[in-house]
Amino acid sequence: MLGVRVTKRLGEFGLDAAFRGPESGVTVLFGASGAGKSAVLSCIAGAIKPSSGRIILGERVLFDSNGRINVPMERRRIGWVFQDARLFPHLTVEKNLRFGQRRAGAGPIGFDEVTAVLGIEDLLKRRPRDLSGGERQRIGLGRALLSQPSLLLMDEPLAALDAPRKAEILPFLERLKHAFALPIIYVTHSLAEAVRLGDRMVVMEQGKVIAEGPLAEIVSRPDLPLVTNRNEVGAVLEAEVAGVDGGLTLLKVGAWEVRVPKLAKAPGDRVRVYVLARDVMLARERPRRISARNVLKGTIKLLTAQEDGAVLVVLEQAGVTLLSSVTADAVSALELQPGQDVWAIVKSVAIEGAAGGLLALEA
């Protein structure tokens, strides 16, 4: 378990943040630029000494202002991955990786395992100048892992990459998440990355934590405008592959059956999909003979007026939440109100296309 409670004055900026992270999995630190996300990482890593607070990692106290404990950065056993991989240009890939391993000594994370998970076995003899941006980031990840960390910090590792390089490295980040039982703090302002990789989400604003909890729960909250903008607000659905139906993959999501474009998954596999609120239509009666393959019955839990005049409708069925963004005129015409049963209509292709098509993936 990671526990963080820190305060720090950095010029005109004041950091006063507290949150907890699990023993494994990815905790996404999310917020606008300047929210204090990187400052929190620096405090955890030991690069910045907080003015007050306490940082614990498992049973180890890394910082405690009351107890005057401040473990030096090099003894915290924390791997730190930046936007820039920061490789040694004069060393080969293998020597860059071995550098982290030599400093840490023997540990449970092996060289062959890391190179296999990150797919870098064929790059070992190259030098950084001969690598793509995505390849360099994978080497940086490998070096951090081979330092035998108890915690991995990732500070917007994809921010400096173009879209093709991001698409290249994201599958490796997913493999890393499942292959190593490490807690990971992942800083990003990309909702697509957060939904694809995260398990928990911590939302920051002006140096403070304003929300934390399971990622699906936080992303679906209509009262957190920093988490999503008008075009990105939606619901994360954890699903199980049930089979194939008419060339589409059939997913079981609570009491719902959801059809998405065919996935290379077997029945029983767990996947995660993200359904944008703007792609969900509502009807008071079940529609017939329409092209949309997903017609889902739900109960209106909440209606929330948005700043742009739209209304966000929160639907629920057997504990699963779905969001729909409609006009105030539609709310009036359909006489929508909490407690009412409605039908949500979602095109299969809309689910595939959400946030750049990144969100039908292994959970």
Protein backbone atom coordinates (compact mmCIF):
# COMPACT_ATOMS: atom_id res chain seq x y z
CA MET A 1 0.00 0.00 0.00
CA LEU A 2 1.21 3.49 -0.91
CA GLY A 3 0.09 6.34 1.30
CA VAL A 4 0.85 9.96 0.38
CA ARG A 5 0.11 13.10 2.37
CA VAL A 6 2.32 16.07 1.47
CA THR A 7 2.38 19.87 1.53
CA LYS A 8 4.91 22.05 -0.25
CA ARG A 9 5.16 25.67 -1.34
CA LEU A 10 6.79 26.02 -4.77
CA GLY A 11 6.93 29.73 -5.53
CA GLU A 12 3.33 30.89 -5.99
CA PHE A 13 2.11 27.29 -6.19
CA GLY A 14 0.91 25.42 -3.12
CA LEU A 15 0.81 21.61 -3.01
CA ASP A 16 -1.48 20.01 -0.43
CA ALA A 17 -2.29 16.48 -1.62
CA ALA A 18 -3.23 13.18 -0.02
CA PHE A 19 -4.22 9.84 -1.54
CA ARG A 20 -3.65 6.08 -1.29
CA GLY A 21 -2.66 3.50 -3.87
CA PRO A 22 -2.99 -0.32 -3.90
CA GLU A 23 -0.15 -2.84 -3.63
CA SER A 24 -0.33 -3.51 -7.37
CA GLY A 25 -2.01 -2.10 -10.45
CA VAL A 26 -2.02 1.35 -12.01
CA THR A 27 -3.12 4.47 -10.16
CA VAL A 28 -3.64 7.31 -12.63
CA LEU A 29 -2.75 10.79 -11.39
CA PHE A 30 -4.94 12.96 -13.58
CA GLY A 31 -5.51 16.67 -14.03
CA ALA A 32 -4.81 19.72 -16.17
CA SER A 33 -1.27 21.00 -16.72
CA GLY A 34 -0.06 22.76 -13.59
CA ALA A 35 -2.32 20.76 -11.26
CA GLY A 36 0.69 19.46 -9.31
CA LYS A 37 0.91 15.90 -10.64
CA SER A 38 4.66 15.93 -11.36
CA ALA A 39 5.36 17.70 -8.06
CA VAL A 40 3.66 14.82 -6.24
CA LEU A 41 5.88 12.32 -8.09
CA SER A 42 8.97 14.31 -7.15
CA CYS A 43 7.95 14.19 -3.48
CA ILE A 44 7.37 10.43 -3.64
CA ALA A 45 10.70 9.83 -5.40
CA GLY A 46 12.62 12.05 -2.97
CA ALA A 47 13.64 14.71 -5.50
CA ILE A 48 11.58 17.30 -3.58
CA LYS A 49 11.39 17.37 0.21
CA PRO A 50 7.83 18.19 1.36
CA SER A 51 7.31 20.88 3.97
CA SER A 52 5.16 18.48 5.95
CA GLY A 53 3.39 15.17 5.65
CA ARG A 54 4.06 11.45 5.46
CA ILE A 55 4.84 9.01 2.62
CA ILE A 56 4.70 5.25 3.21
CA LEU A 57 5.33 2.38 0.80
CA GLY A 58 4.30 -0.97 2.18
CA GLU A 59 5.82 -1.13 5.65
CA ARG A 60 8.54 1.42 4.85
CA VAL A 61 8.26 5.05 5.90
CA LEU A 62 9.94 7.13 3.19
CA PHE A 63 9.12 10.52 4.66
CA ASP A 64 7.66 11.71 7.94
CA SER A 65 7.99 15.35 8.92
CA ASN A 66 6.99 14.67 12.53
CA GLY A 67 9.46 11.81 12.88
CA ARG A 68 12.15 13.70 10.91
CA ILE A 69 12.46 10.81 8.47
CA ASN A 70 13.52 11.52 4.89
CA VAL A 71 14.95 8.46 3.12
CA PRO A 72 17.45 9.54 0.42
CA MET A 73 16.25 9.24 -3.15
CA GLU A 74 18.74 6.49 -4.05
CA ARG A 75 17.54 4.29 -1.16
CA ARG A 76 13.82 4.51 -1.85
CA ARG A 77 13.80 1.69 -4.46
CA ILE A 78 11.58 3.65 -6.82
CA GLY A 79 11.77 3.48 -10.61
CA TRP A 80 11.05 6.75 -12.42
CA VAL A 81 10.18 7.00 -16.12
CA PHE A 82 10.00 10.44 -17.77
CA GLN A 83 8.73 11.80 -21.09
CA ASP A 84 12.32 11.56 -22.29
CA ALA A 85 13.82 8.09 -21.79
CA ARG A 86 17.13 9.71 -20.68
CA LEU A 87 19.33 6.92 -22.01
CA PHE A 88 23.12 7.08 -22.09
CA PRO A 89 23.85 7.83 -25.77
CA HIS A 90 27.33 6.24 -25.73
CA LEU A 91 26.08 2.88 -24.40
CA THR A 92 24.28 0.10 -26.25
CA VAL A 93 20.74 -0.82 -25.31
CA GLU A 94 21.98 -3.82 -23.34
CA LYS A 95 24.48 -1.71 -21.37
CA ASN A 96 21.79 0.88 -20.64
CA LEU A 97 19.61 -1.89 -19.24
CA ARG A 98 22.47 -3.50 -17.29
CA PHE A 99 23.28 -0.13 -15.71
CA GLY A 100 20.02 -0.16 -13.79
CA GLN A 101 20.48 -3.82 -12.91
CA ARG A 102 24.04 -3.37 -11.60
CA ARG A 103 23.06 -0.51 -9.30
CA ALA A 104 20.22 -2.53 -7.76
CA GLY A 105 21.92 -5.89 -7.46
CA ALA A 106 20.06 -9.20 -7.52
CA GLY A 107 16.28 -9.08 -7.43
CA PRO A 108 13.10 -10.84 -8.57
CA ILE A 109 12.83 -9.00 -11.91
CA GLY A 110 15.07 -10.74 -14.42
CA PHE A 111 16.81 -9.37 -17.51
CA ASP A 112 15.34 -11.95 -19.91
CA GLU A 113 11.83 -11.46 -18.52
CA VAL A 114 12.00 -7.68 -19.00
CA THR A 115 13.33 -7.86 -22.55
CA ALA A 116 10.65 -10.41 -23.48
CA VAL A 117 7.74 -8.46 -21.97
CA LEU A 118 8.87 -5.22 -23.62
CA GLY A 119 9.77 -6.89 -26.92
CA ILE A 120 13.31 -5.49 -27.04
CA GLU A 121 15.38 -8.67 -27.47
CA ASP A 122 16.40 -7.65 -31.01
CA LEU A 123 17.46 -4.14 -29.96
CA LEU A 124 20.19 -5.02 -27.45
CA LYS A 125 23.17 -4.23 -29.69
CA ARG A 126 21.83 -0.91 -30.95
CA ARG A 127 22.56 2.55 -29.58
CA PRO A 128 19.86 5.07 -28.59
CA ARG A 129 20.39 7.20 -31.72
CA ASP A 130 19.30 4.22 -33.86
CA LEU A 131 15.97 3.77 -32.03
CA SER A 132 12.53 5.22 -32.60
CA GLY A 133 10.89 7.28 -29.85
CA GLY A 134 8.72 4.35 -28.85
CA GLU A 135 11.71 2.01 -28.71
CA ARG A 136 13.65 4.45 -26.54
CA GLN A 137 10.74 4.63 -24.10
CA ARG A 138 10.63 0.84 -23.89
CA ILE A 139 14.35 0.80 -23.04
CA GLY A 140 13.76 3.45 -20.38
CA LEU A 141 10.99 1.31 -18.92
CA GLY A 142 13.24 -1.73 -18.97
CA ARG A 143 16.04 0.09 -17.16
CA ALA A 144 13.60 1.29 -14.50
CA LEU A 145 12.24 -2.24 -14.00
CA LEU A 146 15.71 -3.74 -13.71
CA SER A 147 16.48 -1.36 -10.84
CA GLN A 148 14.22 -3.74 -8.85
CA PRO A 149 11.79 -1.03 -7.73
CA SER A 150 9.06 -1.40 -5.13
CA LEU A 151 7.13 1.31 -6.98
CA LEU A 152 7.18 2.57 -10.56
CA LEU A 153 6.51 6.25 -11.31
CA MET A 154 5.60 7.16 -14.90
CA ASP A 155 5.47 10.89 -15.66
CA GLU A 156 3.54 11.28 -18.94
CA PRO A 157 5.74 8.71 -20.70
CA LEU A 158 3.84 9.02 -23.99
CA ALA A 159 3.49 12.81 -24.12
CA ALA A 160 6.50 13.33 -26.42
CA LEU A 161 5.42 10.61 -28.88
CA ASP A 162 3.31 11.00 -32.00
CA ALA A 163 0.14 8.92 -32.47
CA PRO A 164 1.80 5.96 -34.28
CA ARG A 165 4.51 5.68 -31.59
CA LYS A 166 1.87 5.84 -28.83
CA ALA A 167 -0.05 3.04 -30.53
CA GLU A 168 3.22 1.09 -30.70
CA ILE A 169 4.06 1.35 -27.00
CA LEU A 170 0.61 1.08 -25.36
CA PRO A 171 0.36 -2.72 -25.77
CA PHE A 172 3.74 -3.07 -24.04
CA LEU A 173 2.54 -0.92 -21.13
CA GLU A 174 -0.45 -3.26 -20.80
CA ARG A 175 1.83 -6.29 -20.79
CA LEU A 176 4.05 -4.66 -18.18
CA LYS A 177 1.04 -3.99 -15.95
CA HIS A 178 0.04 -7.65 -15.97
CA ALA A 179 3.52 -9.21 -15.93
CA PHE A 180 4.97 -7.48 -12.86
CA ALA A 181 3.19 -7.23 -9.51
CA LEU A 182 4.22 -3.61 -9.01
CA PRO A 183 2.24 -0.58 -7.91
CA ILE A 184 2.44 2.04 -10.68
CA ILE A 185 1.65 5.75 -10.45
CA TYR A 186 0.89 6.96 -13.98
CA VAL A 187 0.67 10.71 -14.64
CA THR A 188 -1.30 11.78 -17.69
CA HIS A 189 -3.84 14.32 -18.95
CA SER A 190 -4.97 11.90 -21.68
CA LEU A 191 -8.28 10.25 -20.85
CA ALA A 192 -7.65 7.56 -23.47
CA GLU A 193 -4.42 6.50 -21.74
CA ALA A 194 -6.05 6.65 -18.32
CA VAL A 195 -8.97 4.43 -19.31
CA ARG A 196 -6.78 1.98 -21.18
CA LEU A 197 -4.22 1.45 -18.41
CA GLY A 198 -5.68 2.58 -15.10
CA ASP A 199 -7.27 0.74 -12.20
CA ARG A 200 -7.69 3.71 -9.86
CA MET A 201 -7.80 7.43 -10.57
CA VAL A 202 -6.69 10.40 -8.47
CA VAL A 203 -7.90 13.75 -9.84
CA MET A 204 -5.91 16.88 -8.98
CA GLU A 205 -6.76 20.56 -9.30
CA GLN A 206 -4.52 23.47 -8.23
CA GLY A 207 -2.33 21.30 -6.03
CA LYS A 208 -5.13 19.45 -4.28
CA VAL A 209 -6.74 16.03 -4.70
CA ILE A 210 -10.41 16.59 -5.50
CA ALA A 211 -11.43 12.95 -6.11
CA GLU A 212 -10.01 9.44 -5.91
CA GLY A 213 -11.37 5.94 -6.34
CA PRO A 214 -11.89 3.14 -8.88
CA LEU A 215 -11.28 4.51 -12.36
CA ALA A 216 -14.66 3.48 -13.77
CA GLU A 217 -16.42 5.24 -10.90
CA ILE A 218 -14.41 8.46 -11.16
CA VAL A 219 -14.61 8.77 -14.96
CA SER A 220 -18.40 8.39 -14.86
CA ARG A 221 -18.95 11.18 -12.32
CA PRO A 222 -20.71 14.13 -13.98
CA ASP A 223 -19.50 16.54 -11.28
CA LEU A 224 -15.83 16.30 -12.30
CA PRO A 225 -15.38 18.56 -15.35
CA LEU A 226 -11.59 18.18 -15.20
CA VAL A 227 -11.84 14.46 -15.84
CA THR A 228 -13.70 14.79 -19.11
CA ASN A 229 -14.68 17.50 -21.56
CA ARG A 230 -17.88 17.71 -23.58
CA ASN A 231 -16.61 15.29 -26.24
CA GLU A 232 -14.97 12.76 -23.93
CA VAL A 233 -17.43 12.21 -21.09
CA GLY A 234 -18.53 8.60 -20.97
CA ALA A 235 -18.69 5.35 -19.01
CA VAL A 236 -16.11 2.61 -18.56
CA LEU A 237 -17.65 -0.85 -18.87
CA GLU A 238 -15.87 -3.95 -17.61
CA ALA A 239 -17.06 -6.85 -19.73
CA GLU A 240 -16.62 -10.54 -20.47
CA VAL A 241 -16.50 -11.93 -23.99
CA ALA A 242 -19.59 -14.13 -24.47
CA GLY A 243 -19.03 -15.14 -28.09
CA VAL A 244 -19.69 -13.99 -31.67
CA ASP A 245 -23.01 -12.74 -33.04
CA GLY A 246 -23.38 -11.97 -36.72
CA GLY A 247 -19.72 -11.04 -37.20
CA LEU A 248 -19.68 -8.91 -34.04
CA THR A 249 -18.16 -9.76 -30.66
CA LEU A 250 -20.82 -10.21 -27.99
CA LEU A 251 -19.89 -8.87 -24.56
CA LYS A 252 -21.61 -9.53 -21.24
CA VAL A 253 -21.79 -6.33 -19.17
CA GLY A 254 -23.80 -6.98 -16.03
CA ALA A 255 -27.34 -7.68 -17.22
CA TRP A 256 -26.62 -6.16 -20.65
CA GLU A 257 -25.36 -7.77 -23.84
CA VAL A 258 -23.22 -5.34 -25.85
CA ARG A 259 -22.10 -5.93 -29.43
CA VAL A 260 -18.82 -4.44 -30.67
CA PRO A 261 -16.76 -4.90 -33.84
CA LYS A 262 -15.03 -8.27 -33.82
CA LEU A 263 -12.21 -8.61 -31.30
CA ALA A 264 -9.42 -11.20 -31.32
CA LYS A 265 -10.64 -12.55 -27.98
CA ALA A 266 -11.96 -15.90 -26.77
CA PRO A 267 -15.12 -16.48 -24.71
CA GLY A 268 -14.39 -15.76 -21.06
CA ASP A 269 -11.72 -13.13 -21.78
CA ARG A 270 -12.11 -9.89 -19.84
CA VAL A 271 -12.19 -6.64 -21.81
CA ARG A 272 -12.84 -2.99 -21.09
CA VAL A 273 -14.79 -0.66 -23.35
CA TYR A 274 -15.51 3.06 -23.09
CA VAL A 275 -18.84 4.37 -24.33
CA LEU A 276 -19.02 8.11 -25.01
CA ALA A 277 -22.14 9.84 -23.68
CA ARG A 278 -22.56 11.73 -26.95
CA ASP A 279 -22.93 8.36 -28.77
CA VAL A 280 -25.83 7.17 -26.59
CA MET A 281 -29.39 8.01 -27.75
CA LEU A 282 -32.45 7.58 -25.53
CA ALA A 283 -35.99 6.38 -26.21
CA ARG A 284 -39.04 6.02 -23.96
CA GLU A 285 -40.13 2.86 -25.81
CA ARG A 286 -38.03 0.06 -27.23
CA PRO A 287 -37.24 0.96 -30.87
CA ARG A 288 -37.77 -1.62 -33.62
CA ARG A 289 -36.05 -2.23 -36.96
CA ILE A 290 -33.07 0.10 -36.47
CA SER A 291 -29.46 -0.26 -37.57
CA ALA A 292 -27.91 0.17 -34.10
CA ARG A 293 -27.05 -3.22 -32.63
CA ASN A 294 -27.19 -2.21 -28.98
CA VAL A 295 -30.55 -1.38 -27.40
CA LEU A 296 -30.13 -1.45 -23.62
CA LYS A 297 -32.81 -0.97 -20.99
CA GLY A 298 -31.86 1.13 -17.97
CA THR A 299 -33.28 3.29 -15.22
CA ILE A 300 -32.54 7.01 -15.02
CA LYS A 301 -30.60 7.68 -11.84
CA LEU A 302 -29.69 11.34 -12.31
CA LEU A 303 -30.01 14.26 -14.74
CA THR A 304 -27.31 16.93 -14.59
CA ALA A 305 -27.35 20.19 -16.56
CA GLN A 306 -24.00 20.98 -18.21
CA GLU A 307 -22.43 24.39 -18.76
CA ASP A 308 -22.91 24.15 -22.53
CA GLY A 309 -26.66 23.64 -22.16
CA ALA A 310 -26.64 19.86 -22.63
CA VAL A 311 -28.03 17.48 -20.01
CA LEU A 312 -26.07 14.45 -18.84
CA VAL A 313 -28.34 11.51 -18.10
CA VAL A 314 -27.00 8.79 -15.80
CA LEU A 315 -28.56 5.36 -16.41
CA GLU A 316 -28.14 2.26 -14.30
CA GLN A 317 -28.97 -1.42 -14.69
CA ALA A 318 -27.88 -4.07 -12.19
CA GLY A 319 -25.12 -1.84 -10.84
CA VAL A 320 -23.70 -0.93 -14.28
CA THR A 321 -23.70 2.76 -15.23
CA LEU A 322 -24.09 4.28 -18.69
CA LEU A 323 -24.13 8.00 -19.59
CA SER A 324 -26.06 9.82 -22.28
CA SER A 325 -25.65 13.46 -23.35
CA VAL A 326 -28.86 14.97 -24.70
CA THR A 327 -30.33 18.44 -25.21
CA ALA A 328 -32.58 20.13 -22.68
CA ASP A 329 -35.25 20.12 -25.39
CA ALA A 330 -35.01 16.30 -25.64
CA VAL A 331 -35.36 15.99 -21.86
CA SER A 332 -38.52 18.07 -22.02
CA ALA A 333 -39.99 16.30 -25.06
CA LEU A 334 -39.38 12.83 -23.59
CA GLU A 335 -40.37 13.98 -20.10
CA LEU A 336 -37.25 12.35 -18.68
CA GLN A 337 -36.96 12.12 -14.90
CA PRO A 338 -35.15 10.05 -12.26
CA GLY A 339 -36.58 6.59 -11.64
CA GLN A 340 -37.91 6.28 -15.19
CA ASP A 341 -37.07 3.28 -17.40
CA VAL A 342 -35.67 4.19 -20.83
CA TRP A 343 -33.89 2.50 -23.71
CA ALA A 344 -30.29 3.44 -24.55
CA ILE A 345 -29.29 3.05 -28.20
CA VAL A 346 -25.61 2.65 -29.10
CA LYS A 347 -24.03 1.82 -32.46
CA SER A 348 -21.44 -0.95 -32.31
CA VAL A 349 -18.99 1.08 -34.41
CA ALA A 350 -19.30 4.01 -31.98
CA ILE A 351 -17.86 1.85 -29.20
CA GLU A 352 -14.88 0.84 -31.35
CA GLY A 353 -14.22 4.45 -32.34
CA ALA A 354 -14.25 5.91 -28.83
CA ALA A 355 -11.11 7.93 -28.01
CA GLY A 356 -9.20 6.86 -31.07
CA GLY A 357 -10.23 3.20 -30.93
CA LEU A 358 -8.06 2.55 -27.88
CA LEU A 359 -10.70 1.32 -25.54
CA ALA A 360 -11.59 -2.26 -26.41
CA LEU A 361 -8.80 -4.04 -24.62
CA GLU A 362 -7.71 -6.43 -21.92
CA ALA A 363 -8.98 -5.46 -18.49
